[in-house]
PDB file of N, CA and C in Angstrom:
ATOM      1  N   MET A   1     109.504  35.008 191.260  1.00  0.00           N
ATOM      2  CA  MET A   1     108.578  36.116 191.893  1.00  0.00           C
ATOM      3  C   MET A   1     108.747  37.132 192.044  1.00  0.00           C
ATOM      4  N   LYS A   2     107.368  37.954 191.592  1.00  0.00           N
ATOM      5  CA  LYS A   2     107.726  39.106 191.607  1.00  0.00           C
ATOM      6  C   LYS A   2     106.763  40.196 192.642  1.00  0.00           C
ATOM      7  N   THR A   3     106.673  41.244 193.200  1.00  0.00           N
ATOM      8  CA  THR A   3     106.306  41.752 193.988  1.00  0.00           C
ATOM      9  C   THR A   3     106.033  43.145 193.718  1.00  0.00           C
ATOM     10  N   VAL A   4     104.972  43.517 193.633  1.00  0.00           N
ATOM     11  CA  VAL A   4     104.935  45.144 193.615  1.00  0.00           C
ATOM     12  C   VAL A   4     105.406  45.579 194.518  1.00  0.00           C
ATOM     13  N   ILE A   5     105.857  46.995 194.618  1.00  0.00           N
ATOM     14  CA  ILE A   5     106.060  47.781 196.011  1.00  0.00           C
ATOM     15  C   ILE A   5     105.567  48.839 195.667  1.00  0.00           C
ATOM     16  N   SER A   6     104.655  49.392 196.653  1.00  0.00           N
ATOM     17  CA  SER A   6     103.746  50.583 196.366  1.00  0.00           C
ATOM     18  C   SER A   6     103.444  51.770 197.508  1.00  0.00           C
ATOM     19  N   THR A   7     103.869  52.388 198.121  1.00  0.00           N
ATOM     20  CA  THR A   7     103.784  53.486 199.164  1.00  0.00           C
ATOM     21  C   THR A   7     103.051  55.011 198.776  1.00  0.00           C
ATOM     22  N   ALA A   8     102.188  55.143 199.626  1.00  0.00           N
ATOM     23  CA  ALA A   8     101.926  56.576 199.787  1.00  0.00           C
ATOM     24  C   ALA A   8     102.587  57.957 200.085  1.00  0.00           C
ATOM     25  N   ALA A   9     103.712  57.232 200.808  1.00  0.00           N
ATOM     26  CA  ALA A   9     104.642  57.890 201.282  1.00  0.00           C
ATOM     27  C   ALA A   9     105.596  58.693 200.174  1.00  0.00           C
ATOM     28  N   ALA A  10     105.559  57.838 199.040  1.00  0.00           N
ATOM     29  CA  ALA A  10     106.021  58.329 198.011  1.00  0.00           C
ATOM     30  C   ALA A  10     105.448  58.623 196.873  1.00  0.00           C
ATOM     31  N   PRO A  11     105.774  59.749 195.956  1.00  0.00           N
ATOM     32  CA  PRO A  11     104.690  60.062 195.028  1.00  0.00           C
ATOM     33  C   PRO A  11     104.128  58.585 193.899  1.00  0.00           C
ATOM     34  N   ALA A  12     102.968  58.701 193.762  1.00  0.00           N
ATOM     35  CA  ALA A  12     102.243  58.156 192.904  1.00  0.00           C
ATOM     36  C   ALA A  12     102.798  58.061 191.434  1.00  0.00           C
ATOM     37  N   ALA A  13     102.848  56.840 190.614  1.00  0.00           N
ATOM     38  CA  ALA A  13     103.252  56.532 189.334  1.00  0.00           C
ATOM     39  C   ALA A  13     102.570  57.386 188.561  1.00  0.00           C
ATOM     40  N   ILE A  14     103.031  58.153 187.310  1.00  0.00           N
ATOM     41  CA  ILE A  14     102.411  59.047 186.405  1.00  0.00           C
ATOM     42  C   ILE A  14     102.008  58.316 185.447  1.00  0.00           C
ATOM     43  N   GLY A  15     102.187  56.977 185.174  1.00  0.00           N
ATOM     44  CA  GLY A  15     102.259  56.468 184.390  1.00  0.00           C
ATOM     45  C   GLY A  15     102.033  54.696 184.213  1.00  0.00           C
ATOM     46  N   PRO A  16     102.601  54.001 183.365  1.00  0.00           N
ATOM     47  CA  PRO A  16     101.687  52.437 183.240  1.00  0.00           C
ATOM     48  C   PRO A  16     103.040  52.242 183.743  1.00  0.00           C
ATOM     49  N   TYR A  17     103.481  52.180 185.384  1.00  0.00           N
ATOM     50  CA  TYR A  17     104.678  51.440 185.779  1.00  0.00           C
ATOM     51  C   TYR A  17     105.068  51.610 187.382  1.00  0.00           C
ATOM     52  N   SER A  18     105.595  50.657 188.575  1.00  0.00           N
ATOM     53  CA  SER A  18     105.386  50.441 189.464  1.00  0.00           C
ATOM     54  C   SER A  18     106.563  51.486 190.188  1.00  0.00           C
ATOM     55  N   GLN A  19     106.075  51.706 191.179  1.00  0.00           N
ATOM     56  CA  GLN A  19     107.067  52.473 191.925  1.00  0.00           C
ATOM     57  C   GLN A  19     108.310  51.480 192.462  1.00  0.00           C
ATOM     58  N   ALA A  20     108.284  50.519 192.481  1.00  0.00           N
ATOM     59  CA  ALA A  20     109.407  49.363 192.523  1.00  0.00           C
ATOM     60  C   ALA A  20     108.469  47.762 192.508  1.00  0.00           C
ATOM     61  N   ILE A  21     109.554  46.955 192.002  1.00  0.00           N
ATOM     62  CA  ILE A  21     109.358  45.775 191.999  1.00  0.00           C
ATOM     63  C   ILE A  21     110.728  44.836 193.195  1.00  0.00           C
ATOM     64  N   ASP A  22     110.066  43.866 193.686  1.00  0.00           N
ATOM     65  CA  ASP A  22     110.586  43.038 194.331  1.00  0.00           C
ATOM     66  C   ASP A  22     110.836  41.885 193.742  1.00  0.00           C
ATOM     67  N   CYS A  23     111.713  41.393 193.481  1.00  0.00           N
ATOM     68  CA  CYS A  23     112.144  40.603 192.651  1.00  0.00           C
ATOM     69  C   CYS A  23     113.021  39.209 193.264  1.00  0.00           C
ATOM     70  N   GLY A  24     112.561  39.321 194.989  1.00  0.00           N
ATOM     71  CA  GLY A  24     112.986  38.036 195.068  1.00  0.00           C
ATOM     72  C   GLY A  24     114.391  38.263 196.280  1.00  0.00           C
ATOM     73  N   THR A  25     115.380  38.844 195.485  1.00  0.00           N
ATOM     74  CA  THR A  25     116.734  39.021 196.269  1.00  0.00           C
ATOM     75  C   THR A  25     117.293  40.024 195.645  1.00  0.00           C
ATOM     76  N   PHE A  26     116.292  40.597 195.043  1.00  0.00           N
ATOM     77  CA  PHE A  26     116.602  42.154 195.086  1.00  0.00           C
ATOM     78  C   PHE A  26     115.243  43.265 194.206  1.00  0.00           C
ATOM     79  N   VAL A  27     115.665  44.234 194.810  1.00  0.00           N
ATOM     80  CA  VAL A  27     114.525  45.466 194.606  1.00  0.00           C
ATOM     81  C   VAL A  27     114.983  46.207 193.740  1.00  0.00           C
ATOM     82  N   VAL A  28     113.946  46.712 192.382  1.00  0.00           N
ATOM     83  CA  VAL A  28     114.770  47.373 191.453  1.00  0.00           C
ATOM     84  C   VAL A  28     113.406  49.006 191.428  1.00  0.00           C
ATOM     85  N   THR A  29     114.034  49.901 192.010  1.00  0.00           N
ATOM     86  CA  THR A  29     112.906  51.058 192.258  1.00  0.00           C
ATOM     87  C   THR A  29     112.777  51.727 190.402  1.00  0.00           C
ATOM     88  N   SER A  30     111.417  52.220 190.210  1.00  0.00           N
ATOM     89  CA  SER A  30     111.767  53.256 188.917  1.00  0.00           C
ATOM     90  C   SER A  30     112.203  54.383 189.328  1.00  0.00           C
ATOM     91  N   GLY A  31     112.583  54.961 188.284  1.00  0.00           N
ATOM     92  CA  GLY A  31     112.957  56.230 188.427  1.00  0.00           C
ATOM     93  C   GLY A  31     111.976  57.397 189.649  1.00  0.00           C
ATOM     94  N   GLN A  32     112.595  57.916 190.234  1.00  0.00           N
ATOM     95  CA  GLN A  32     111.748  58.996 191.480  1.00  0.00           C
ATOM     96  C   GLN A  32     112.035  60.500 190.738  1.00  0.00           C
ATOM     97  N   VAL A  33     111.572  61.244 191.070  1.00  0.00           N
ATOM     98  CA  VAL A  33     111.498  62.891 190.410  1.00  0.00           C
ATOM     99  C   VAL A  33     111.341  63.451 191.586  1.00  0.00           C
ATOM    100  N   PRO A  34     111.534  64.817 191.648  1.00  0.00           N
ATOM    101  CA  PRO A  34     111.064  65.761 192.892  1.00  0.00           C
ATOM    102  C   PRO A  34     109.732  65.871 193.189  1.00  0.00           C
ATOM    103  N   PHE A  35     108.897  65.044 193.005  1.00  0.00           N
ATOM    104  CA  PHE A  35     107.926  65.219 193.237  1.00  0.00           C
ATOM    105  C   PHE A  35     107.152  65.454 195.078  1.00  0.00           C
ATOM    106  N   ASP A  36     106.423  65.913 195.545  1.00  0.00           N
ATOM    107  CA  ASP A  36     105.974  65.962 196.694  1.00  0.00           C
ATOM    108  C   ASP A  36     105.048  65.252 196.664  1.00  0.00           C
ATOM    109  N   PRO A  37     105.066  63.587 197.618  1.00  0.00           N
ATOM    110  CA  PRO A  37     104.743  62.573 198.181  1.00  0.00           C
ATOM    111  C   PRO A  37     102.686  63.461 198.113  1.00  0.00           C
ATOM    112  N   ALA A  38     103.043  64.364 199.117  1.00  0.00           N
ATOM    113  CA  ALA A  38     101.403  64.773 199.434  1.00  0.00           C
ATOM    114  C   ALA A  38     100.563  65.506 198.124  1.00  0.00           C
ATOM    115  N   THR A  39     101.567  66.085 197.278  1.00  0.00           N
ATOM    116  CA  THR A  39     100.435  66.739 196.107  1.00  0.00           C
ATOM    117  C   THR A  39     100.617  66.600 194.962  1.00  0.00           C
ATOM    118  N   GLY A  40     101.800  65.504 194.765  1.00  0.00           N
ATOM    119  CA  GLY A  40     101.975  64.931 193.404  1.00  0.00           C
ATOM    120  C   GLY A  40     102.357  65.989 192.240  1.00  0.00           C
ATOM    121  N   VAL A  41     102.804  67.320 192.923  1.00  0.00           N
ATOM    122  CA  VAL A  41     103.725  68.167 192.310  1.00  0.00           C
ATOM    123  C   VAL A  41     105.273  68.606 192.551  1.00  0.00           C
ATOM    124  N   LEU A  42     105.619  68.873 191.707  1.00  0.00           N
ATOM    125  CA  LEU A  42     107.351  69.007 191.449  1.00  0.00           C
ATOM    126  C   LEU A  42     107.304  70.286 192.781  1.00  0.00           C
ATOM    127  N   VAL A  43     108.419  69.760 193.327  1.00  0.00           N
ATOM    128  CA  VAL A  43     108.746  70.946 194.279  1.00  0.00           C
ATOM    129  C   VAL A  43     109.788  71.871 193.575  1.00  0.00           C
ATOM    130  N   GLU A  44     109.600  73.185 194.120  1.00  0.00           N
ATOM    131  CA  GLU A  44     110.487  74.140 193.803  1.00  0.00           C
ATOM    132  C   GLU A  44     111.893  74.303 194.244  1.00  0.00           C
ATOM    133  N   GLY A  45     112.589  75.048 193.406  1.00  0.00           N
ATOM    134  CA  GLY A  45     114.034  74.667 194.171  1.00  0.00           C
ATOM    135  C   GLY A  45     115.248  74.552 192.840  1.00  0.00           C
ATOM    136  N   ASP A  46     116.440  74.670 193.714  1.00  0.00           N
ATOM    137  CA  ASP A  46     117.274  74.119 192.615  1.00  0.00           C
ATOM    138  C   ASP A  46     117.600  72.666 192.658  1.00  0.00           C
ATOM    139  N   ILE A  47     118.878  72.292 192.337  1.00  0.00           N
ATOM    140  CA  ILE A  47     119.086  70.961 192.278  1.00  0.00           C
ATOM    141  C   ILE A  47     119.683  70.367 193.521  1.00  0.00           C
ATOM    142  N   THR A  48     119.742  71.412 194.847  1.00  0.00           N
ATOM    143  CA  THR A  48     119.786  70.062 195.869  1.00  0.00           C
ATOM    144  C   THR A  48     119.183  69.846 196.497  1.00  0.00           C
ATOM    145  N   VAL A  49     117.638  71.073 196.425  1.00  0.00           N
ATOM    146  CA  VAL A  49     116.509  70.926 196.908  1.00  0.00           C
ATOM    147  C   VAL A  49     115.728  69.788 196.121  1.00  0.00           C
ATOM    148  N   GLN A  50     115.859  69.841 194.798  1.00  0.00           N
ATOM    149  CA  GLN A  50     115.185  68.209 193.754  1.00  0.00           C
ATOM    150  C   GLN A  50     115.733  67.178 194.408  1.00  0.00           C
ATOM    151  N   THR A  51     117.136  67.257 194.902  1.00  0.00           N
ATOM    152  CA  THR A  51     117.711  65.889 194.528  1.00  0.00           C
ATOM    153  C   THR A  51     117.266  65.502 195.982  1.00  0.00           C
ATOM    154  N   ARG A  52     117.188  66.083 197.389  1.00  0.00           N
ATOM    155  CA  ARG A  52     117.054  65.949 198.460  1.00  0.00           C
ATOM    156  C   ARG A  52     115.761  65.186 198.290  1.00  0.00           C
ATOM    157  N   GLN A  53     114.461  65.746 197.855  1.00  0.00           N
ATOM    158  CA  GLN A  53     113.153  65.303 197.734  1.00  0.00           C
ATOM    159  C   GLN A  53     113.296  63.815 196.840  1.00  0.00           C
ATOM    160  N   VAL A  54     113.946  64.022 195.758  1.00  0.00           N
ATOM    161  CA  VAL A  54     114.126  62.573 194.843  1.00  0.00           C
ATOM    162  C   VAL A  54     114.652  61.271 195.823  1.00  0.00           C
ATOM    163  N   LEU A  55     115.802  61.779 196.979  1.00  0.00           N
ATOM    164  CA  LEU A  55     116.473  60.499 197.787  1.00  0.00           C
ATOM    165  C   LEU A  55     115.596  60.121 198.640  1.00  0.00           C
ATOM    166  N   ASN A  56     114.823  61.085 199.178  1.00  0.00           N
ATOM    167  CA  ASN A  56     113.545  60.683 200.273  1.00  0.00           C
ATOM    168  C   ASN A  56     112.871  60.022 199.691  1.00  0.00           C
ATOM    169  N   ASN A  57     112.203  60.649 198.613  1.00  0.00           N
ATOM    170  CA  ASN A  57     111.209  59.736 198.004  1.00  0.00           C
ATOM    171  C   ASN A  57     111.618  58.026 197.670  1.00  0.00           C
ATOM    172  N   ILE A  58     112.824  57.963 197.329  1.00  0.00           N
ATOM    173  CA  ILE A  58     113.661  56.315 197.083  1.00  0.00           C
ATOM    174  C   ILE A  58     113.512  55.895 198.517  1.00  0.00           C
ATOM    175  N   LYS A  59     113.655  56.721 199.792  1.00  0.00           N
ATOM    176  CA  LYS A  59     113.812  56.421 201.139  1.00  0.00           C
ATOM    177  C   LYS A  59     112.599  55.794 201.443  1.00  0.00           C
ATOM    178  N   ALA A  60     111.349  56.075 200.838  1.00  0.00           N
ATOM    179  CA  ALA A  60     110.244  55.846 201.323  1.00  0.00           C
ATOM    180  C   ALA A  60     109.937  54.383 200.716  1.00  0.00           C
ATOM    181  N   VAL A  61     110.079  54.373 199.403  1.00  0.00           N
ATOM    182  CA  VAL A  61     109.800  53.330 198.606  1.00  0.00           C
ATOM    183  C   VAL A  61     110.254  52.133 199.174  1.00  0.00           C
ATOM    184  N   LEU A  62     111.628  52.252 199.074  1.00  0.00           N
ATOM    185  CA  LEU A  62     112.909  51.202 199.982  1.00  0.00           C
ATOM    186  C   LEU A  62     112.140  51.204 201.680  1.00  0.00           C
ATOM    187  N   ALA A  63     111.687  52.152 202.315  1.00  0.00           N
ATOM    188  CA  ALA A  63     111.255  51.474 203.646  1.00  0.00           C
ATOM    189  C   ALA A  63     109.909  50.665 203.301  1.00  0.00           C
ATOM    190  N   ALA A  64     109.175  51.116 202.395  1.00  0.00           N
ATOM    191  CA  ALA A  64     107.874  49.860 202.148  1.00  0.00           C
ATOM    192  C   ALA A  64     108.313  48.440 201.507  1.00  0.00           C
ATOM    193  N   ALA A  65     109.572  48.530 200.923  1.00  0.00           N
ATOM    194  CA  ALA A  65     109.960  46.872 200.977  1.00  0.00           C
ATOM    195  C   ALA A  65     110.821  46.638 201.804  1.00  0.00           C
ATOM    196  N   GLY A  66     110.877  47.127 203.173  1.00  0.00           N
ATOM    197  CA  GLY A  66     111.394  46.545 204.291  1.00  0.00           C
ATOM    198  C   GLY A  66     113.171  46.884 204.299  1.00  0.00           C
ATOM    199  N   LEU A  67     113.478  48.068 203.741  1.00  0.00           N
ATOM    200  CA  LEU A  67     115.088  48.178 203.029  1.00  0.00           C
ATOM    201  C   LEU A  67     115.620  49.587 203.218  1.00  0.00           C
ATOM    202  N   THR A  68     116.820  49.626 203.507  1.00  0.00           N
ATOM    203  CA  THR A  68     117.165  51.018 203.814  1.00  0.00           C
ATOM    204  C   THR A  68     118.149  51.446 202.251  1.00  0.00           C
ATOM    205  N   MET A  69     118.693  52.551 202.649  1.00  0.00           N
ATOM    206  CA  MET A  69     119.529  53.367 201.791  1.00  0.00           C
ATOM    207  C   MET A  69     120.920  51.932 201.379  1.00  0.00           C
ATOM    208  N   ASP A  70     121.317  51.670 203.085  1.00  0.00           N
ATOM    209  CA  ASP A  70     122.196  50.694 203.160  1.00  0.00           C
ATOM    210  C   ASP A  70     122.142  49.335 201.733  1.00  0.00           C
ATOM    211  N   ASN A  71     120.784  49.118 201.467  1.00  0.00           N
ATOM    212  CA  ASN A  71     120.551  48.260 200.345  1.00  0.00           C
ATOM    213  C   ASN A  71     120.882  48.442 199.036  1.00  0.00           C
ATOM    214  N   VAL A  72     121.231  49.574 198.888  1.00  0.00           N
ATOM    215  CA  VAL A  72     121.194  50.283 197.544  1.00  0.00           C
ATOM    216  C   VAL A  72     122.586  50.008 196.479  1.00  0.00           C
ATOM    217  N   VAL A  73     122.669  48.919 195.829  1.00  0.00           N
ATOM    218  CA  VAL A  73     124.101  48.678 195.223  1.00  0.00           C
ATOM    219  C   VAL A  73     124.442  49.439 193.717  1.00  0.00           C
ATOM    220  N   LYS A  74     123.350  50.206 193.309  1.00  0.00           N
ATOM    221  CA  LYS A  74     123.855  50.873 192.014  1.00  0.00           C
ATOM    222  C   LYS A  74     122.333  51.734 191.867  1.00  0.00           C
ATOM    223  N   THR A  75     123.092  53.140 191.020  1.00  0.00           N
ATOM    224  CA  THR A  75     121.973  54.110 190.689  1.00  0.00           C
ATOM    225  C   THR A  75     122.426  54.711 189.737  1.00  0.00           C
ATOM    226  N   THR A  76     121.302  55.012 189.119  1.00  0.00           N
ATOM    227  CA  THR A  76     121.735  55.366 187.666  1.00  0.00           C
ATOM    228  C   THR A  76     120.513  56.977 187.779  1.00  0.00           C
ATOM    229  N   VAL A  77     121.590  58.039 187.963  1.00  0.00           N
ATOM    230  CA  VAL A  77     121.701  59.518 187.922  1.00  0.00           C
ATOM    231  C   VAL A  77     121.401  59.963 186.735  1.00  0.00           C
ATOM    232  N   PHE A  78     120.431  60.780 186.726  1.00  0.00           N
ATOM    233  CA  PHE A  78     119.523  61.686 185.201  1.00  0.00           C
ATOM    234  C   PHE A  78     119.723  63.115 185.130  1.00  0.00           C
ATOM    235  N   LEU A  79     120.500  63.649 184.939  1.00  0.00           N
ATOM    236  CA  LEU A  79     120.761  65.255 185.300  1.00  0.00           C
ATOM    237  C   LEU A  79     120.150  65.900 184.026  1.00  0.00           C
ATOM    238  N   GLN A  80     119.166  67.060 184.202  1.00  0.00           N
ATOM    239  CA  GLN A  80     118.735  67.860 182.943  1.00  0.00           C
ATOM    240  C   GLN A  80     120.126  68.847 182.376  1.00  0.00           C
ATOM    241  N   ASN A  81     121.124  68.804 183.778  1.00  0.00           N
ATOM    242  CA  ASN A  81     122.077  69.826 182.886  1.00  0.00           C
ATOM    243  C   ASN A  81     123.533  69.161 184.010  1.00  0.00           C
ATOM    244  N   MET A  82     124.769  68.737 183.294  1.00  0.00           N
ATOM    245  CA  MET A  82     125.483  68.362 183.977  1.00  0.00           C
ATOM    246  C   MET A  82     126.069  68.949 184.448  1.00  0.00           C
ATOM    247  N   GLY A  83     125.920  70.335 184.797  1.00  0.00           N
ATOM    248  CA  GLY A  83     126.754  71.524 184.964  1.00  0.00           C
ATOM    249  C   GLY A  83     126.167  71.147 187.128  1.00  0.00           C
ATOM    250  N   ASP A  84     125.168  70.630 187.070  1.00  0.00           N
ATOM    251  CA  ASP A  84     124.356  70.647 188.579  1.00  0.00           C
ATOM    252  C   ASP A  84     125.030  69.100 188.824  1.00  0.00           C
ATOM    253  N   PHE A  85     125.996  68.473 188.610  1.00  0.00           N
ATOM    254  CA  PHE A  85     126.322  67.114 188.846  1.00  0.00           C
ATOM    255  C   PHE A  85     127.102  67.600 190.344  1.00  0.00           C
ATOM    256  N   ALA A  86     128.277  69.012 190.490  1.00  0.00           N
ATOM    257  CA  ALA A  86     128.743  68.844 191.948  1.00  0.00           C
ATOM    258  C   ALA A  86     127.869  69.025 193.152  1.00  0.00           C
ATOM    259  N   ALA A  87     126.916  70.054 192.605  1.00  0.00           N
ATOM    260  CA  ALA A  87     125.334  70.045 193.956  1.00  0.00           C
ATOM    261  C   ALA A  87     125.171  68.853 194.007  1.00  0.00           C
ATOM    262  N   MET A  88     124.716  68.247 193.096  1.00  0.00           N
ATOM    263  CA  MET A  88     123.798  66.911 193.200  1.00  0.00           C
ATOM    264  C   MET A  88     124.508  65.939 193.995  1.00  0.00           C
ATOM    265  N   ASN A  89     125.812  66.173 193.627  1.00  0.00           N
ATOM    266  CA  ASN A  89     127.064  64.664 194.191  1.00  0.00           C
ATOM    267  C   ASN A  89     127.159  65.092 195.701  1.00  0.00           C
ATOM    268  N   ALA A  90     127.042  66.425 196.039  1.00  0.00           N
ATOM    269  CA  ALA A  90     127.023  67.008 197.689  1.00  0.00           C
ATOM    270  C   ALA A  90     125.948  65.963 198.569  1.00  0.00           C
ATOM    271  N   VAL A  91     124.735  66.298 197.780  1.00  0.00           N
ATOM    272  CA  VAL A  91     123.481  66.242 198.589  1.00  0.00           C
ATOM    273  C   VAL A  91     123.548  64.960 198.651  1.00  0.00           C
ATOM    274  N   TYR A  92     123.973  64.118 197.380  1.00  0.00           N
ATOM    275  CA  TYR A  92     123.733  62.489 196.801  1.00  0.00           C
ATOM    276  C   TYR A  92     124.839  61.713 198.433  1.00  0.00           C
ATOM    277  N   ALA A  93     125.893  62.376 198.526  1.00  0.00           N
ATOM    278  CA  ALA A  93     126.675  61.476 199.692  1.00  0.00           C
ATOM    279  C   ALA A  93     126.199  61.305 200.947  1.00  0.00           C
ATOM    280  N   GLU A  94     125.189  62.318 201.181  1.00  0.00           N
ATOM    281  CA  GLU A  94     124.743  62.663 202.722  1.00  0.00           C
ATOM    282  C   GLU A  94     123.989  61.174 202.449  1.00  0.00           C
ATOM    283  N   PHE A  95     122.992  60.326 201.970  1.00  0.00           N
ATOM    284  CA  PHE A  95     122.160  59.457 201.801  1.00  0.00           C
ATOM    285  C   PHE A  95     122.631  58.021 201.959  1.00  0.00           C
ATOM    286  N   PHE A  96     124.558  58.403 201.929  1.00  0.00           N
ATOM    287  CA  PHE A  96     124.780  56.593 202.038  1.00  0.00           C
ATOM    288  C   PHE A  96     125.884  56.771 203.171  1.00  0.00           C
ATOM    289  N   THR A  97     126.192  55.987 203.477  1.00  0.00           N
ATOM    290  CA  THR A  97     127.420  55.595 204.195  1.00  0.00           C
ATOM    291  C   THR A  97     128.758  55.637 203.657  1.00  0.00           C
ATOM    292  N   GLU A  98     129.292  56.471 203.968  1.00  0.00           N
ATOM    293  CA  GLU A  98     130.546  57.161 203.559  1.00  0.00           C
ATOM    294  C   GLU A  98     131.555  55.734 202.951  1.00  0.00           C
ATOM    295  N   GLY A  99     132.379  55.447 201.879  1.00  0.00           N
ATOM    296  CA  GLY A  99     133.289  54.189 202.030  1.00  0.00           C
ATOM    297  C   GLY A  99     132.428  53.098 201.408  1.00  0.00           C
ATOM    298  N   GLN A 100     130.822  53.298 201.603  1.00  0.00           N
ATOM    299  CA  GLN A 100     130.528  51.721 200.962  1.00  0.00           C
ATOM    300  C   GLN A 100     129.031  52.086 200.333  1.00  0.00           C
ATOM    301  N   TYR A 101     129.586  53.565 198.838  1.00  0.00           N
ATOM    302  CA  TYR A 101     128.642  54.203 197.726  1.00  0.00           C
ATOM    303  C   TYR A 101     128.361  53.276 197.059  1.00  0.00           C
ATOM    304  N   PRO A 102     126.976  53.019 196.494  1.00  0.00           N
ATOM    305  CA  PRO A 102     126.869  52.317 195.123  1.00  0.00           C
ATOM    306  C   PRO A 102     127.804  52.466 194.379  1.00  0.00           C
ATOM    307  N   ALA A 103     127.258  51.421 193.406  1.00  0.00           N
ATOM    308  CA  ALA A 103     127.960  51.982 192.027  1.00  0.00           C
ATOM    309  C   ALA A 103     126.956  53.142 191.343  1.00  0.00           C
ATOM    310  N   ARG A 104     127.591  53.635 190.443  1.00  0.00           N
ATOM    311  CA  ARG A 104     126.629  54.773 189.911  1.00  0.00           C
ATOM    312  C   ARG A 104     127.233  55.104 188.315  1.00  0.00           C
ATOM    313  N   SER A 105     125.901  55.682 187.779  1.00  0.00           N
ATOM    314  CA  SER A 105     126.175  56.227 186.271  1.00  0.00           C
ATOM    315  C   SER A 105     125.504  57.426 186.597  1.00  0.00           C
ATOM    316  N   ALA A 106     125.926  58.560 186.048  1.00  0.00           N
ATOM    317  CA  ALA A 106     125.287  59.754 185.714  1.00  0.00           C
ATOM    318  C   ALA A 106     125.297  60.369 184.108  1.00  0.00           C
ATOM    319  N   VAL A 107     124.226  60.653 183.618  1.00  0.00           N
ATOM    320  CA  VAL A 107     124.121  61.078 182.476  1.00  0.00           C
ATOM    321  C   VAL A 107     123.294  62.461 182.477  1.00  0.00           C
ATOM    322  N   GLU A 108     123.343  63.273 181.312  1.00  0.00           N
ATOM    323  CA  GLU A 108     122.943  64.457 180.961  1.00  0.00           C
ATOM    324  C   GLU A 108     121.958  63.787 179.898  1.00  0.00           C
ATOM    325  N   VAL A 109     120.566  64.418 180.033  1.00  0.00           N
ATOM    326  CA  VAL A 109     119.644  64.115 179.599  1.00  0.00           C
ATOM    327  C   VAL A 109     118.656  65.710 179.043  1.00  0.00           C
ATOM    328  N   ALA A 110     117.865  65.362 177.695  1.00  0.00           N
ATOM    329  CA  ALA A 110     117.603  66.561 176.998  1.00  0.00           C
ATOM    330  C   ALA A 110     116.194  66.887 177.938  1.00  0.00           C
ATOM    331  N   ALA A 111     115.770  66.241 179.045  1.00  0.00           N
ATOM    332  CA  ALA A 111     114.413  66.641 179.607  1.00  0.00           C
ATOM    333  C   ALA A 111     114.006  65.693 180.521  1.00  0.00           C
ATOM    334  N   LEU A 112     113.265  65.800 181.889  1.00  0.00           N
ATOM    335  CA  LEU A 112     113.002  65.178 182.796  1.00  0.00           C
ATOM    336  C   LEU A 112     111.287  65.180 182.731  1.00  0.00           C
ATOM    337  N   PRO A 113     110.400  64.515 183.317  1.00  0.00           N
ATOM    338  CA  PRO A 113     108.907  64.815 183.369  1.00  0.00           C
ATOM    339  C   PRO A 113     108.936  66.287 184.414  1.00  0.00           C
ATOM    340  N   LYS A 114     107.866  66.820 184.039  1.00  0.00           N
ATOM    341  CA  LYS A 114     107.339  67.976 184.203  1.00  0.00           C
ATOM    342  C   LYS A 114     108.117  68.826 184.747  1.00  0.00           C
ATOM    343  N   GLY A 115     109.723  69.108 183.889  1.00  0.00           N
ATOM    344  CA  GLY A 115     110.483  70.158 183.971  1.00  0.00           C
ATOM    345  C   GLY A 115     111.718  69.566 185.471  1.00  0.00           C
ATOM    346  N   ALA A 116     111.698  68.480 185.693  1.00  0.00           N
ATOM    347  CA  ALA A 116     112.621  68.300 187.175  1.00  0.00           C
ATOM    348  C   ALA A 116     113.970  68.368 186.421  1.00  0.00           C
ATOM    349  N   LEU A 117     114.639  68.397 187.476  1.00  0.00           N
ATOM    350  CA  LEU A 117     115.977  68.900 186.957  1.00  0.00           C
ATOM    351  C   LEU A 117     116.961  67.133 187.454  1.00  0.00           C
ATOM    352  N   VAL A 118     116.617  66.372 188.072  1.00  0.00           N
ATOM    353  CA  VAL A 118     116.623  65.067 188.675  1.00  0.00           C
ATOM    354  C   VAL A 118     115.929  64.344 188.300  1.00  0.00           C
ATOM    355  N   GLU A 119     116.265  62.791 188.172  1.00  0.00           N
ATOM    356  CA  GLU A 119     115.900  61.420 188.348  1.00  0.00           C
ATOM    357  C   GLU A 119     117.026  60.631 188.772  1.00  0.00           C
ATOM    358  N   ILE A 120     116.513  59.921 189.583  1.00  0.00           N
ATOM    359  CA  ILE A 120     117.339  58.596 190.342  1.00  0.00           C
ATOM    360  C   ILE A 120     116.313  57.295 190.173  1.00  0.00           C
ATOM    361  N   GLU A 121     117.196  56.453 189.808  1.00  0.00           N
ATOM    362  CA  GLU A 121     116.470  55.012 189.878  1.00  0.00           C
ATOM    363  C   GLU A 121     117.796  54.151 190.681  1.00  0.00           C
ATOM    364  N   THR A 122     116.831  53.194 191.589  1.00  0.00           N
ATOM    365  CA  THR A 122     118.327  52.155 191.906  1.00  0.00           C
ATOM    366  C   THR A 122     118.067  50.607 191.658  1.00  0.00           C
ATOM    367  N   ILE A 123     119.064  49.957 192.043  1.00  0.00           N
ATOM    368  CA  ILE A 123     118.850  48.753 192.394  1.00  0.00           C
ATOM    369  C   ILE A 123     119.352  48.389 193.776  1.00  0.00           C
ATOM    370  N   CYS A 124     118.519  47.852 194.284  1.00  0.00           N
ATOM    371  CA  CYS A 124     118.865  46.990 195.959  1.00  0.00           C
ATOM    372  C   CYS A 124     119.020  45.720 195.805  1.00  0.00           C
ATOM    373  N   VAL A 125     119.703  45.164 196.894  1.00  0.00           N
ATOM    374  CA  VAL A 125     119.591  43.923 197.613  1.00  0.00           C
ATOM    375  C   VAL A 125     119.374  43.876 198.487  1.00  0.00           C
ATOM    376  N   LYS A 126     118.611  42.510 198.833  1.00  0.00           N
ATOM    377  CA  LYS A 126     117.783  42.255 200.404  1.00  0.00           C
ATOM    378  C   LYS A 126     118.708  41.837 201.160  1.00  0.00           C
TER     379      LYS A 126
END
């Protein structure tokens, strides 16, 4: 069973992909970038502003699937600059229950869509 998850409360897909897929026992989100869901435009600001927008976008997609951030078991964080790791990490920690953080990978990439500083994808259990 595979169900597409879509919500106007998060940025629309900018290509041939879904915001998330519900696979029955787990939900996988596509990478979210810091776009304002109302305008589809990249939010201006530093890594803390952009990380907060990304995580709020993820929360909106998860809500559409009937989930919360507590359902997240794995994240992958893509950073345009690994020098932003500490600042991203501080905002990231605000969105998860302390002591129950998901598994995570974080990598530096050459570029992200529309010049974003951060992109995050998740795997969640229901």
